[in-house]
Amino acid sequence: MWRRRRHSSGRPARAVNWAALGFTSIGIVCLGYYCWAWVEAGLYERQETRAFEARIRWGAPYGKGSIPPPAALVPEDGGLLGKLEIPRLRLSVMVVEGVDSGDLRKAVGHIPGTSLPGEAGNVGIAGHRDTYFRPLSSIHPGDKITLTSMQGRFTYRVVSTEIVGPDDVQVLNPTGRNTLTLVTCFPFYYVGPAPKRFIVRAAAG
C-alpha cells in the first residue's frame, strides 16, 4: 500500500539564491549612482554655462584687432576655465582646472602642467570615455574644435588620433606650434578600467 510522502517540517521549499540577490542589489546601487552622477553633471553644466556666458558678455574675449589679452591665470583646482565645443559631434562641455575624479565627474579637465588657453604650446584636456568624451569615438581629421576662455576664443582643427599606453605622457610635451590634445580612456566600450588612452591632436588655425 502506497503512503503519501510528507515534507520534513522546517526545510525550505526553495533555497534563496543569495548570490543573485547580491548582484542585483549591487546593480541597483550602481545604476542609482550613475543616474545621480548624470543629474549632478547636468545641473553643474547648466549652472556654469549660464555663469560663463554672463562673464563673456560683460568681459568679452579678445579677438583680432582688439586690446591684447591679459596673461592667462591658473584657476583654483576645480575652478571653471572655459568651454570646449566640437560642432560636428554636437559636443559642448565646460572645462575646469584639474583632473581629479570629482572634476571629471562634472566636466572635462585641463591637465595641470600643460599650456593654458591663450598661451603658446600644447593645451591638454582630459575627460571620461563614458560621459562627455564618448563622442570622440567618431572624431575625424579636419573636425573643428573651439576652446573659449576669458582670454579669447581659440579654433583648432583635428590633425590626427592615436592610441597609446597609460604611461605615454609624451603626447603632452610642448610642441613647435599651438596645439590642443584631448585625452580619454580606450576602448570606449570596455568594461572596467580601460587599458589604453585615446589621443586627439589638433592644431590651431
N, C-alpha and C. Protein backbone atom coordinates (compact mmCIF):
# COMPACT_ATOMS: atom_id res chain seq x y z
N MET A 1 0.85 -1.19 0.00
CA MET A 1 0.00 0.00 0.00
C MET A 1 0.89 1.23 0.00
N TRP A 2 0.61 2.14 -0.97
CA TRP A 2 1.40 3.36 -1.07
C TRP A 2 1.01 4.36 0.00
N ARG A 3 2.02 4.99 0.55
CA ARG A 3 1.78 6.04 1.54
C ARG A 3 2.22 7.39 0.98
N ARG A 4 1.54 8.44 1.33
CA ARG A 4 1.91 9.80 0.90
C ARG A 4 3.18 10.21 1.62
N ARG A 5 4.13 10.73 0.87
CA ARG A 5 5.41 11.19 1.44
C ARG A 5 5.25 12.60 1.96
N ARG A 6 5.56 12.77 3.19
CA ARG A 6 5.42 14.09 3.80
C ARG A 6 6.72 14.87 3.70
N HIS A 7 6.61 16.21 3.52
CA HIS A 7 7.79 17.08 3.53
C HIS A 7 8.26 17.23 4.95
N SER A 8 9.54 17.18 5.17
CA SER A 8 10.08 17.37 6.51
C SER A 8 9.83 18.80 6.93
N SER A 9 9.29 18.96 8.12
CA SER A 9 8.99 20.31 8.60
C SER A 9 10.25 21.09 8.86
N GLY A 10 10.20 22.41 8.58
CA GLY A 10 11.36 23.28 8.81
C GLY A 10 12.31 23.36 7.65
N ARG A 11 12.15 22.56 6.62
CA ARG A 11 13.03 22.62 5.46
C ARG A 11 12.41 23.51 4.39
N PRO A 12 13.11 24.55 3.93
CA PRO A 12 12.50 25.46 2.95
C PRO A 12 12.22 24.77 1.64
N ALA A 13 11.10 25.13 1.04
CA ALA A 13 10.75 24.54 -0.25
C ALA A 13 11.67 25.02 -1.35
N ARG A 14 12.22 26.20 -1.21
CA ARG A 14 13.11 26.76 -2.25
C ARG A 14 14.24 27.51 -1.57
N ALA A 15 15.46 27.21 -1.96
CA ALA A 15 16.63 27.88 -1.38
C ALA A 15 16.76 29.28 -1.96
N VAL A 16 17.13 30.23 -1.13
CA VAL A 16 17.32 31.60 -1.59
C VAL A 16 18.66 31.71 -2.32
N ASN A 17 18.64 32.26 -3.50
CA ASN A 17 19.88 32.45 -4.27
C ASN A 17 20.51 33.76 -3.82
N TRP A 18 21.33 33.68 -2.79
CA TRP A 18 21.91 34.89 -2.21
C TRP A 18 22.87 35.58 -3.18
N ALA A 19 23.55 34.81 -4.00
CA ALA A 19 24.49 35.42 -4.96
C ALA A 19 23.74 36.29 -5.96
N ALA A 20 22.63 35.74 -6.49
CA ALA A 20 21.84 36.53 -7.45
C ALA A 20 21.26 37.76 -6.80
N LEU A 21 20.79 37.61 -5.56
CA LEU A 21 20.23 38.75 -4.85
C LEU A 21 21.29 39.81 -4.59
N GLY A 22 22.51 39.35 -4.26
CA GLY A 22 23.60 40.30 -4.01
C GLY A 22 23.99 41.07 -5.26
N PHE A 23 24.09 40.36 -6.40
CA PHE A 23 24.46 41.02 -7.65
C PHE A 23 23.37 42.00 -8.09
N THR A 24 22.12 41.61 -7.86
CA THR A 24 21.01 42.50 -8.21
C THR A 24 21.07 43.78 -7.39
N SER A 25 21.36 43.62 -6.09
CA SER A 25 21.45 44.79 -5.22
C SER A 25 22.60 45.70 -5.64
N ILE A 26 23.74 45.10 -5.97
CA ILE A 26 24.89 45.88 -6.44
C ILE A 26 24.54 46.63 -7.72
N GLY A 27 23.83 45.93 -8.62
CA GLY A 27 23.43 46.58 -9.87
C GLY A 27 22.52 47.76 -9.65
N ILE A 28 21.58 47.61 -8.71
CA ILE A 28 20.67 48.72 -8.41
C ILE A 28 21.43 49.91 -7.83
N VAL A 29 22.37 49.63 -6.93
CA VAL A 29 23.17 50.70 -6.33
C VAL A 29 24.00 51.41 -7.40
N CYS A 30 24.63 50.63 -8.27
CA CYS A 30 25.46 51.23 -9.33
C CYS A 30 24.62 52.07 -10.28
N LEU A 31 23.44 51.57 -10.64
CA LEU A 31 22.55 52.32 -11.53
C LEU A 31 22.12 53.62 -10.87
N GLY A 32 21.80 53.53 -9.57
CA GLY A 32 21.40 54.74 -8.85
C GLY A 32 22.51 55.77 -8.80
N TYR A 33 23.74 55.29 -8.56
CA TYR A 33 24.88 56.21 -8.52
C TYR A 33 25.11 56.83 -9.89
N TYR A 34 25.00 56.02 -10.95
CA TYR A 34 25.21 56.53 -12.31
C TYR A 34 24.19 57.61 -12.64
N CYS A 35 22.92 57.34 -12.29
CA CYS A 35 21.87 58.34 -12.55
C CYS A 35 22.11 59.61 -11.75
N TRP A 36 22.50 59.44 -10.49
CA TRP A 36 22.78 60.61 -9.65
C TRP A 36 23.94 61.42 -10.22
N ALA A 37 24.98 60.73 -10.70
CA ALA A 37 26.14 61.43 -11.27
C ALA A 37 25.73 62.21 -12.52
N TRP A 38 24.86 61.63 -13.36
CA TRP A 38 24.41 62.32 -14.56
C TRP A 38 23.58 63.55 -14.21
N VAL A 39 22.72 63.42 -13.21
CA VAL A 39 21.91 64.57 -12.78
C VAL A 39 22.81 65.67 -12.24
N GLU A 40 23.77 65.29 -11.40
CA GLU A 40 24.70 66.27 -10.84
C GLU A 40 25.48 66.97 -11.94
N ALA A 41 25.98 66.19 -12.92
CA ALA A 41 26.75 66.77 -14.02
C ALA A 41 25.88 67.70 -14.86
N GLY A 42 24.62 67.30 -15.09
CA GLY A 42 23.73 68.14 -15.88
C GLY A 42 23.43 69.47 -15.19
N LEU A 43 23.19 69.41 -13.89
CA LEU A 43 22.94 70.64 -13.14
C LEU A 43 24.16 71.55 -13.15
N TYR A 44 25.34 70.95 -12.97
CA TYR A 44 26.58 71.74 -12.99
C TYR A 44 26.76 72.38 -14.36
N GLU A 45 26.52 71.60 -15.42
CA GLU A 45 26.71 72.10 -16.78
C GLU A 45 25.82 73.31 -17.04
N ARG A 46 24.55 73.22 -16.69
CA ARG A 46 23.62 74.33 -16.94
C ARG A 46 24.00 75.55 -16.12
N GLN A 47 24.31 75.33 -14.85
CA GLN A 47 24.64 76.46 -13.98
C GLN A 47 25.90 77.17 -14.43
N GLU A 48 26.95 76.40 -14.70
CA GLU A 48 28.22 77.01 -15.08
C GLU A 48 28.18 77.60 -16.48
N THR A 49 27.39 77.02 -17.37
CA THR A 49 27.25 77.60 -18.71
C THR A 49 26.64 78.99 -18.63
N ARG A 50 25.59 79.13 -17.82
CA ARG A 50 24.96 80.45 -17.66
C ARG A 50 25.94 81.45 -17.05
N ALA A 51 26.68 81.01 -16.03
CA ALA A 51 27.62 81.91 -15.38
C ALA A 51 28.74 82.31 -16.34
N PHE A 52 29.22 81.34 -17.11
CA PHE A 52 30.32 81.62 -18.04
C PHE A 52 29.87 82.56 -19.15
N GLU A 53 28.70 82.32 -19.70
CA GLU A 53 28.19 83.19 -20.77
C GLU A 53 27.96 84.61 -20.26
N ALA A 54 27.55 84.73 -19.00
CA ALA A 54 27.39 86.06 -18.42
C ALA A 54 28.74 86.76 -18.31
N ARG A 55 29.75 86.02 -17.90
CA ARG A 55 31.10 86.61 -17.81
C ARG A 55 31.60 87.04 -19.18
N ILE A 56 31.30 86.23 -20.20
CA ILE A 56 31.73 86.57 -21.56
C ILE A 56 31.04 87.85 -22.02
N ARG A 57 29.75 87.99 -21.71
CA ARG A 57 29.01 89.18 -22.14
C ARG A 57 29.55 90.44 -21.49
N TRP A 58 29.91 90.35 -20.21
CA TRP A 58 30.38 91.53 -19.50
C TRP A 58 31.86 91.79 -19.69
N GLY A 59 32.60 90.77 -20.08
CA GLY A 59 34.02 90.95 -20.36
C GLY A 59 34.40 90.11 -21.54
N ALA A 60 33.93 90.52 -22.72
CA ALA A 60 34.03 89.69 -23.92
C ALA A 60 35.46 89.28 -24.20
N PRO A 61 35.67 88.02 -24.67
CA PRO A 61 37.01 87.58 -25.03
C PRO A 61 37.60 88.47 -26.12
N TYR A 62 38.90 88.55 -26.12
CA TYR A 62 39.59 89.38 -27.09
C TYR A 62 39.68 88.67 -28.43
N GLY A 63 39.64 89.43 -29.49
CA GLY A 63 39.78 88.88 -30.83
C GLY A 63 40.78 89.71 -31.62
N LYS A 64 40.81 89.49 -32.92
CA LYS A 64 41.76 90.22 -33.76
C LYS A 64 41.45 91.72 -33.73
N GLY A 65 42.49 92.51 -33.65
CA GLY A 65 42.34 93.95 -33.69
C GLY A 65 41.92 94.55 -32.37
N SER A 66 41.87 93.75 -31.30
CA SER A 66 41.45 94.29 -30.01
C SER A 66 42.66 94.47 -29.11
N ILE A 67 42.38 94.93 -27.91
CA ILE A 67 43.46 95.11 -26.93
C ILE A 67 44.07 93.75 -26.61
N PRO A 68 45.37 93.65 -26.49
CA PRO A 68 45.98 92.35 -26.17
C PRO A 68 45.39 91.77 -24.90
N PRO A 69 45.18 90.44 -24.89
CA PRO A 69 44.56 89.81 -23.73
C PRO A 69 45.46 89.83 -22.52
N PRO A 70 44.85 89.80 -21.32
CA PRO A 70 45.66 89.71 -20.12
C PRO A 70 46.32 88.35 -20.02
N ALA A 71 47.33 88.24 -19.21
CA ALA A 71 48.01 86.96 -19.04
C ALA A 71 47.02 85.95 -18.47
N ALA A 72 47.11 84.71 -18.99
CA ALA A 72 46.21 83.66 -18.53
C ALA A 72 46.52 83.32 -17.08
N LEU A 73 45.48 83.25 -16.27
CA LEU A 73 45.63 82.93 -14.87
C LEU A 73 45.17 81.51 -14.62
N VAL A 74 45.90 80.78 -13.78
CA VAL A 74 45.52 79.42 -13.46
C VAL A 74 44.43 79.44 -12.40
N PRO A 75 43.25 78.89 -12.70
CA PRO A 75 42.19 78.87 -11.68
C PRO A 75 42.57 77.92 -10.54
N GLU A 76 41.83 78.00 -9.46
CA GLU A 76 42.00 77.03 -8.39
C GLU A 76 41.56 75.66 -8.89
N ASP A 77 42.02 74.61 -8.22
CA ASP A 77 41.61 73.26 -8.59
C ASP A 77 40.09 73.16 -8.60
N GLY A 78 39.57 72.66 -9.71
CA GLY A 78 38.12 72.55 -9.85
C GLY A 78 37.46 73.81 -10.33
N GLY A 79 38.21 74.90 -10.47
CA GLY A 79 37.65 76.17 -10.93
C GLY A 79 37.36 76.16 -12.42
N LEU A 80 36.38 76.93 -12.83
CA LEU A 80 35.98 77.00 -14.23
C LEU A 80 37.05 77.66 -15.07
N LEU A 81 37.42 77.01 -16.17
CA LEU A 81 38.46 77.52 -17.06
C LEU A 81 37.89 78.00 -18.39
N GLY A 82 36.90 77.30 -18.93
CA GLY A 82 36.36 77.69 -20.22
C GLY A 82 35.35 76.67 -20.72
N LYS A 83 35.17 76.69 -22.04
CA LYS A 83 34.18 75.83 -22.67
C LYS A 83 34.76 75.22 -23.94
N LEU A 84 34.59 73.90 -24.09
CA LEU A 84 35.09 73.16 -25.26
C LEU A 84 33.91 72.75 -26.12
N GLU A 85 34.03 72.98 -27.44
CA GLU A 85 32.95 72.61 -28.36
C GLU A 85 33.50 71.94 -29.60
N ILE A 86 32.82 70.87 -30.03
CA ILE A 86 33.13 70.22 -31.30
C ILE A 86 31.81 70.15 -32.06
N PRO A 87 31.52 71.12 -32.93
CA PRO A 87 30.20 71.24 -33.54
C PRO A 87 29.72 69.99 -34.26
N ARG A 88 30.57 69.34 -35.05
CA ARG A 88 30.10 68.19 -35.82
C ARG A 88 29.63 67.06 -34.93
N LEU A 89 30.26 66.91 -33.78
CA LEU A 89 29.88 65.85 -32.84
C LEU A 89 28.81 66.31 -31.85
N ARG A 90 28.38 67.57 -31.96
CA ARG A 90 27.41 68.16 -31.03
C ARG A 90 27.89 68.02 -29.58
N LEU A 91 29.17 68.21 -29.42
CA LEU A 91 29.78 68.13 -28.10
C LEU A 91 30.02 69.54 -27.58
N SER A 92 29.50 69.81 -26.41
CA SER A 92 29.70 71.10 -25.75
C SER A 92 29.82 70.83 -24.26
N VAL A 93 30.96 71.19 -23.67
CA VAL A 93 31.20 70.85 -22.27
C VAL A 93 32.09 71.91 -21.63
N MET A 94 31.84 72.14 -20.35
CA MET A 94 32.67 73.08 -19.61
C MET A 94 34.00 72.44 -19.27
N VAL A 95 35.03 73.28 -19.16
CA VAL A 95 36.39 72.83 -18.81
C VAL A 95 36.76 73.41 -17.46
N VAL A 96 37.19 72.55 -16.54
CA VAL A 96 37.64 73.01 -15.23
C VAL A 96 39.12 72.73 -15.09
N GLU A 97 39.72 73.31 -14.08
CA GLU A 97 41.14 73.09 -13.82
C GLU A 97 41.30 71.81 -12.99
N GLY A 98 42.12 70.87 -13.49
CA GLY A 98 42.40 69.66 -12.76
C GLY A 98 41.71 68.43 -13.32
N VAL A 99 42.24 67.27 -12.96
CA VAL A 99 41.71 66.01 -13.49
C VAL A 99 41.40 65.02 -12.36
N ASP A 100 41.08 65.52 -11.17
CA ASP A 100 40.65 64.64 -10.10
C ASP A 100 39.32 64.00 -10.46
N SER A 101 38.98 62.90 -9.79
CA SER A 101 37.74 62.19 -10.10
C SER A 101 36.53 63.10 -9.94
N GLY A 102 36.54 63.96 -8.92
CA GLY A 102 35.43 64.88 -8.73
C GLY A 102 35.31 65.89 -9.85
N ASP A 103 36.46 66.33 -10.39
CA ASP A 103 36.45 67.28 -11.51
C ASP A 103 35.86 66.65 -12.76
N LEU A 104 36.32 65.43 -13.08
CA LEU A 104 35.91 64.79 -14.33
C LEU A 104 34.51 64.20 -14.25
N ARG A 105 33.92 64.14 -13.06
CA ARG A 105 32.55 63.67 -12.96
C ARG A 105 31.57 64.74 -13.45
N LYS A 106 31.97 66.00 -13.37
CA LYS A 106 31.04 67.08 -13.71
C LYS A 106 31.44 67.84 -14.97
N ALA A 107 32.65 67.62 -15.48
CA ALA A 107 33.13 68.37 -16.64
C ALA A 107 34.32 67.63 -17.23
N VAL A 108 35.04 68.28 -18.16
CA VAL A 108 36.34 67.78 -18.58
C VAL A 108 37.39 68.68 -17.92
N GLY A 109 38.62 68.16 -17.80
CA GLY A 109 39.60 68.89 -17.01
C GLY A 109 40.86 69.27 -17.76
N HIS A 110 41.33 70.49 -17.50
CA HIS A 110 42.62 70.92 -18.02
C HIS A 110 43.71 70.19 -17.25
N ILE A 111 44.66 69.59 -17.97
CA ILE A 111 45.72 68.80 -17.36
C ILE A 111 46.79 69.74 -16.81
N PRO A 112 46.98 69.76 -15.50
CA PRO A 112 47.98 70.66 -14.91
C PRO A 112 49.37 70.43 -15.52
N GLY A 113 50.08 71.53 -15.71
CA GLY A 113 51.41 71.45 -16.31
C GLY A 113 51.43 71.67 -17.80
N THR A 114 50.26 71.60 -18.45
CA THR A 114 50.20 71.91 -19.88
C THR A 114 49.79 73.38 -20.04
N SER A 115 49.92 73.87 -21.26
CA SER A 115 49.62 75.28 -21.52
C SER A 115 48.15 75.58 -21.23
N LEU A 116 47.89 76.83 -20.88
CA LEU A 116 46.53 77.31 -20.70
C LEU A 116 46.01 77.90 -22.01
N PRO A 117 44.69 77.95 -22.19
CA PRO A 117 44.16 78.61 -23.38
C PRO A 117 44.69 80.03 -23.48
N GLY A 118 45.19 80.38 -24.65
CA GLY A 118 45.76 81.70 -24.85
C GLY A 118 47.27 81.72 -24.74
N GLU A 119 47.86 80.67 -24.18
CA GLU A 119 49.31 80.57 -24.09
C GLU A 119 49.85 79.74 -25.26
N ALA A 120 51.07 80.03 -25.66
CA ALA A 120 51.71 79.22 -26.70
C ALA A 120 52.02 77.84 -26.14
N GLY A 121 51.88 76.83 -26.99
CA GLY A 121 52.24 75.49 -26.55
C GLY A 121 51.12 74.49 -26.73
N ASN A 122 51.12 73.47 -25.88
CA ASN A 122 50.22 72.32 -26.00
C ASN A 122 49.22 72.34 -24.84
N VAL A 123 47.96 72.58 -25.15
CA VAL A 123 46.90 72.59 -24.14
C VAL A 123 46.35 71.16 -24.02
N GLY A 124 46.43 70.58 -22.83
CA GLY A 124 45.96 69.23 -22.62
C GLY A 124 44.64 69.21 -21.84
N ILE A 125 43.67 68.46 -22.36
CA ILE A 125 42.36 68.35 -21.71
C ILE A 125 41.96 66.88 -21.66
N ALA A 126 41.53 66.41 -20.49
CA ALA A 126 41.14 65.01 -20.30
C ALA A 126 39.67 64.91 -19.92
N GLY A 127 39.05 63.79 -20.30
CA GLY A 127 37.65 63.56 -19.95
C GLY A 127 37.36 62.07 -19.95
N HIS A 128 36.25 61.69 -19.33
CA HIS A 128 35.87 60.29 -19.25
C HIS A 128 35.30 59.81 -20.58
N ARG A 129 35.64 58.58 -20.94
CA ARG A 129 35.16 57.99 -22.20
C ARG A 129 33.68 57.62 -22.14
N ASP A 130 33.14 57.43 -20.92
CA ASP A 130 31.75 57.01 -20.82
C ASP A 130 30.81 58.16 -20.50
N THR A 131 31.31 59.39 -20.54
CA THR A 131 30.45 60.56 -20.35
C THR A 131 30.71 61.56 -21.47
N TYR A 132 31.37 62.67 -21.14
CA TYR A 132 31.49 63.78 -22.09
C TYR A 132 32.32 63.45 -23.32
N PHE A 133 33.35 62.62 -23.18
CA PHE A 133 34.23 62.35 -24.32
C PHE A 133 33.85 61.10 -25.09
N ARG A 134 32.68 60.51 -24.83
CA ARG A 134 32.23 59.37 -25.64
C ARG A 134 32.14 59.72 -27.12
N PRO A 135 31.68 60.94 -27.51
CA PRO A 135 31.60 61.27 -28.93
C PRO A 135 32.95 61.25 -29.66
N LEU A 136 34.06 61.29 -28.93
CA LEU A 136 35.37 61.28 -29.60
C LEU A 136 35.59 59.99 -30.39
N SER A 137 34.80 58.97 -30.12
CA SER A 137 34.93 57.72 -30.89
C SER A 137 34.61 57.95 -32.37
N SER A 138 33.93 59.05 -32.69
CA SER A 138 33.53 59.35 -34.08
C SER A 138 34.26 60.56 -34.65
N ILE A 139 35.31 61.02 -34.01
CA ILE A 139 36.01 62.22 -34.48
C ILE A 139 36.86 61.90 -35.71
N HIS A 140 37.03 62.90 -36.59
CA HIS A 140 37.78 62.71 -37.83
C HIS A 140 38.79 63.85 -38.00
N PRO A 141 39.88 63.59 -38.73
CA PRO A 141 40.79 64.68 -39.08
C PRO A 141 40.04 65.78 -39.83
N GLY A 142 40.34 67.01 -39.49
CA GLY A 142 39.67 68.16 -40.09
C GLY A 142 38.52 68.68 -39.27
N ASP A 143 38.05 67.93 -38.29
CA ASP A 143 36.96 68.42 -37.44
C ASP A 143 37.40 69.68 -36.70
N LYS A 144 36.47 70.61 -36.58
CA LYS A 144 36.74 71.87 -35.90
C LYS A 144 36.49 71.73 -34.40
N ILE A 145 37.40 72.28 -33.60
CA ILE A 145 37.26 72.33 -32.15
C ILE A 145 37.45 73.78 -31.71
N THR A 146 36.56 74.27 -30.86
CA THR A 146 36.75 75.62 -30.31
C THR A 146 36.90 75.52 -28.80
N LEU A 147 37.79 76.34 -28.29
CA LEU A 147 38.04 76.42 -26.85
C LEU A 147 37.93 77.88 -26.46
N THR A 148 36.92 78.20 -25.64
CA THR A 148 36.66 79.58 -25.26
C THR A 148 37.00 79.79 -23.80
N SER A 149 37.75 80.84 -23.52
CA SER A 149 38.07 81.22 -22.15
C SER A 149 37.97 82.74 -22.08
N MET A 150 38.29 83.31 -20.92
CA MET A 150 38.28 84.76 -20.80
C MET A 150 39.42 85.40 -21.58
N GLN A 151 40.37 84.58 -22.05
CA GLN A 151 41.45 85.10 -22.88
C GLN A 151 41.09 85.13 -24.35
N GLY A 152 39.96 84.53 -24.73
CA GLY A 152 39.55 84.55 -26.12
C GLY A 152 38.93 83.24 -26.57
N ARG A 153 38.57 83.21 -27.85
CA ARG A 153 38.03 82.00 -28.47
C ARG A 153 39.08 81.46 -29.43
N PHE A 154 39.51 80.24 -29.21
CA PHE A 154 40.60 79.65 -29.98
C PHE A 154 40.08 78.47 -30.79
N THR A 155 40.45 78.47 -32.07
CA THR A 155 39.95 77.46 -33.00
C THR A 155 41.08 76.50 -33.39
N TYR A 156 40.74 75.22 -33.41
CA TYR A 156 41.70 74.18 -33.77
C TYR A 156 41.06 73.26 -34.81
N ARG A 157 41.90 72.57 -35.55
CA ARG A 157 41.46 71.54 -36.49
C ARG A 157 42.17 70.23 -36.15
N VAL A 158 41.39 69.16 -36.10
CA VAL A 158 41.96 67.86 -35.75
C VAL A 158 42.97 67.43 -36.81
N VAL A 159 44.15 67.06 -36.36
CA VAL A 159 45.22 66.62 -37.24
C VAL A 159 45.31 65.09 -37.25
N SER A 160 45.22 64.48 -36.08
CA SER A 160 45.40 63.04 -36.01
C SER A 160 44.81 62.49 -34.72
N THR A 161 44.65 61.17 -34.70
CA THR A 161 44.28 60.45 -33.48
C THR A 161 45.23 59.27 -33.34
N GLU A 162 45.43 58.84 -32.10
CA GLU A 162 46.27 57.67 -31.88
C GLU A 162 45.89 57.01 -30.56
N ILE A 163 46.31 55.77 -30.40
CA ILE A 163 46.07 55.01 -29.18
C ILE A 163 47.41 54.72 -28.54
N VAL A 164 47.54 55.07 -27.27
CA VAL A 164 48.81 54.91 -26.57
C VAL A 164 48.58 54.23 -25.23
N GLY A 165 49.68 53.86 -24.59
CA GLY A 165 49.60 53.29 -23.26
C GLY A 165 49.37 54.36 -22.21
N PRO A 166 48.94 53.98 -21.02
CA PRO A 166 48.63 54.96 -19.98
C PRO A 166 49.84 55.74 -19.49
N ASP A 167 51.04 55.24 -19.75
CA ASP A 167 52.26 55.92 -19.30
C ASP A 167 52.91 56.75 -20.40
N ASP A 168 52.32 56.78 -21.59
CA ASP A 168 52.91 57.52 -22.71
C ASP A 168 52.53 59.00 -22.62
N VAL A 169 53.12 59.68 -21.66
CA VAL A 169 52.75 61.08 -21.41
C VAL A 169 53.46 62.05 -22.34
N GLN A 170 54.28 61.54 -23.24
CA GLN A 170 54.97 62.45 -24.16
C GLN A 170 54.01 63.15 -25.10
N VAL A 171 52.78 62.65 -25.20
CA VAL A 171 51.79 63.32 -26.06
C VAL A 171 51.44 64.70 -25.50
N LEU A 172 51.80 64.95 -24.24
CA LEU A 172 51.52 66.24 -23.62
C LEU A 172 52.73 67.17 -23.64
N ASN A 173 53.82 66.73 -24.24
CA ASN A 173 55.02 67.56 -24.31
C ASN A 173 54.76 68.81 -25.15
N PRO A 174 55.49 69.90 -24.89
CA PRO A 174 55.35 71.11 -25.71
C PRO A 174 55.64 70.80 -27.18
N THR A 175 54.96 71.50 -28.05
CA THR A 175 55.13 71.30 -29.48
C THR A 175 55.65 72.59 -30.11
N GLY A 176 56.01 72.49 -31.39
CA GLY A 176 56.54 73.65 -32.08
C GLY A 176 55.49 74.65 -32.49
N ARG A 177 54.22 74.32 -32.32
CA ARG A 177 53.14 75.25 -32.66
C ARG A 177 52.02 75.07 -31.65
N ASN A 178 51.06 75.97 -31.68
CA ASN A 178 49.96 75.90 -30.74
C ASN A 178 49.07 74.69 -31.05
N THR A 179 48.94 73.82 -30.09
CA THR A 179 48.16 72.60 -30.29
C THR A 179 47.22 72.36 -29.12
N LEU A 180 46.24 71.51 -29.38
CA LEU A 180 45.29 71.06 -28.36
C LEU A 180 45.31 69.55 -28.35
N THR A 181 45.46 68.94 -27.18
CA THR A 181 45.49 67.49 -27.07
C THR A 181 44.37 67.04 -26.14
N LEU A 182 43.47 66.21 -26.67
CA LEU A 182 42.38 65.64 -25.89
C LEU A 182 42.74 64.20 -25.52
N VAL A 183 42.48 63.84 -24.28
CA VAL A 183 42.85 62.52 -23.77
C VAL A 183 41.64 61.86 -23.11
N THR A 184 41.41 60.60 -23.47
CA THR A 184 40.38 59.82 -22.79
C THR A 184 40.79 58.36 -22.80
N CYS A 185 40.09 57.53 -22.04
CA CYS A 185 40.44 56.11 -21.96
C CYS A 185 39.93 55.35 -23.19
N PHE A 186 40.55 54.21 -23.44
CA PHE A 186 40.23 53.40 -24.63
C PHE A 186 40.45 51.93 -24.28
N PRO A 187 39.62 51.04 -24.80
CA PRO A 187 38.50 51.20 -25.72
C PRO A 187 37.30 51.91 -25.07
N PHE A 188 36.49 52.52 -25.92
CA PHE A 188 35.39 53.33 -25.41
C PHE A 188 34.34 52.50 -24.68
N TYR A 189 34.13 51.25 -25.13
CA TYR A 189 33.08 50.43 -24.54
C TYR A 189 33.65 49.29 -23.70
N TYR A 190 34.85 49.48 -23.21
CA TYR A 190 35.49 48.47 -22.37
C TYR A 190 34.83 48.44 -21.00
N VAL A 191 34.62 47.23 -20.47
CA VAL A 191 34.03 47.09 -19.14
C VAL A 191 35.15 47.10 -18.10
N GLY A 192 35.07 48.03 -17.17
CA GLY A 192 36.12 48.17 -16.17
C GLY A 192 37.15 49.20 -16.58
N PRO A 193 38.21 49.37 -15.80
CA PRO A 193 39.27 50.33 -16.13
C PRO A 193 39.90 50.02 -17.49
N ALA A 194 39.82 50.95 -18.42
CA ALA A 194 40.34 50.72 -19.77
C ALA A 194 41.86 50.75 -19.77
N PRO A 195 42.51 49.87 -20.55
CA PRO A 195 43.97 49.74 -20.51
C PRO A 195 44.75 50.73 -21.37
N LYS A 196 44.08 51.43 -22.27
CA LYS A 196 44.77 52.32 -23.20
C LYS A 196 44.23 53.73 -23.10
N ARG A 197 44.86 54.65 -23.86
CA ARG A 197 44.42 56.04 -23.91
C ARG A 197 44.21 56.43 -25.38
N PHE A 198 43.12 57.14 -25.63
CA PHE A 198 42.81 57.64 -26.97
C PHE A 198 43.18 59.11 -27.01
N ILE A 199 44.00 59.46 -27.99
CA ILE A 199 44.56 60.82 -28.08
C ILE A 199 44.07 61.50 -29.34
N VAL A 200 43.56 62.71 -29.18
CA VAL A 200 43.19 63.57 -30.32
C VAL A 200 44.15 64.75 -30.33
N ARG A 201 44.85 64.93 -31.45
CA ARG A 201 45.76 66.05 -31.59
C ARG A 201 45.18 67.04 -32.61
N ALA A 202 45.06 68.30 -32.19
CA ALA A 202 44.51 69.35 -33.07
C ALA A 202 45.47 70.54 -33.09
N ALA A 203 45.54 71.19 -34.24
CA ALA A 203 46.43 72.34 -34.41
C ALA A 203 45.62 73.62 -34.54
N ALA A 204 46.17 74.72 -34.04
CA ALA A 204 45.49 76.00 -34.11
C ALA A 204 45.35 76.45 -35.56
N GLY A 205 44.26 77.13 -35.82
CA GLY A 205 44.08 77.69 -37.15
C GLY A 205 42.84 77.17 -37.86
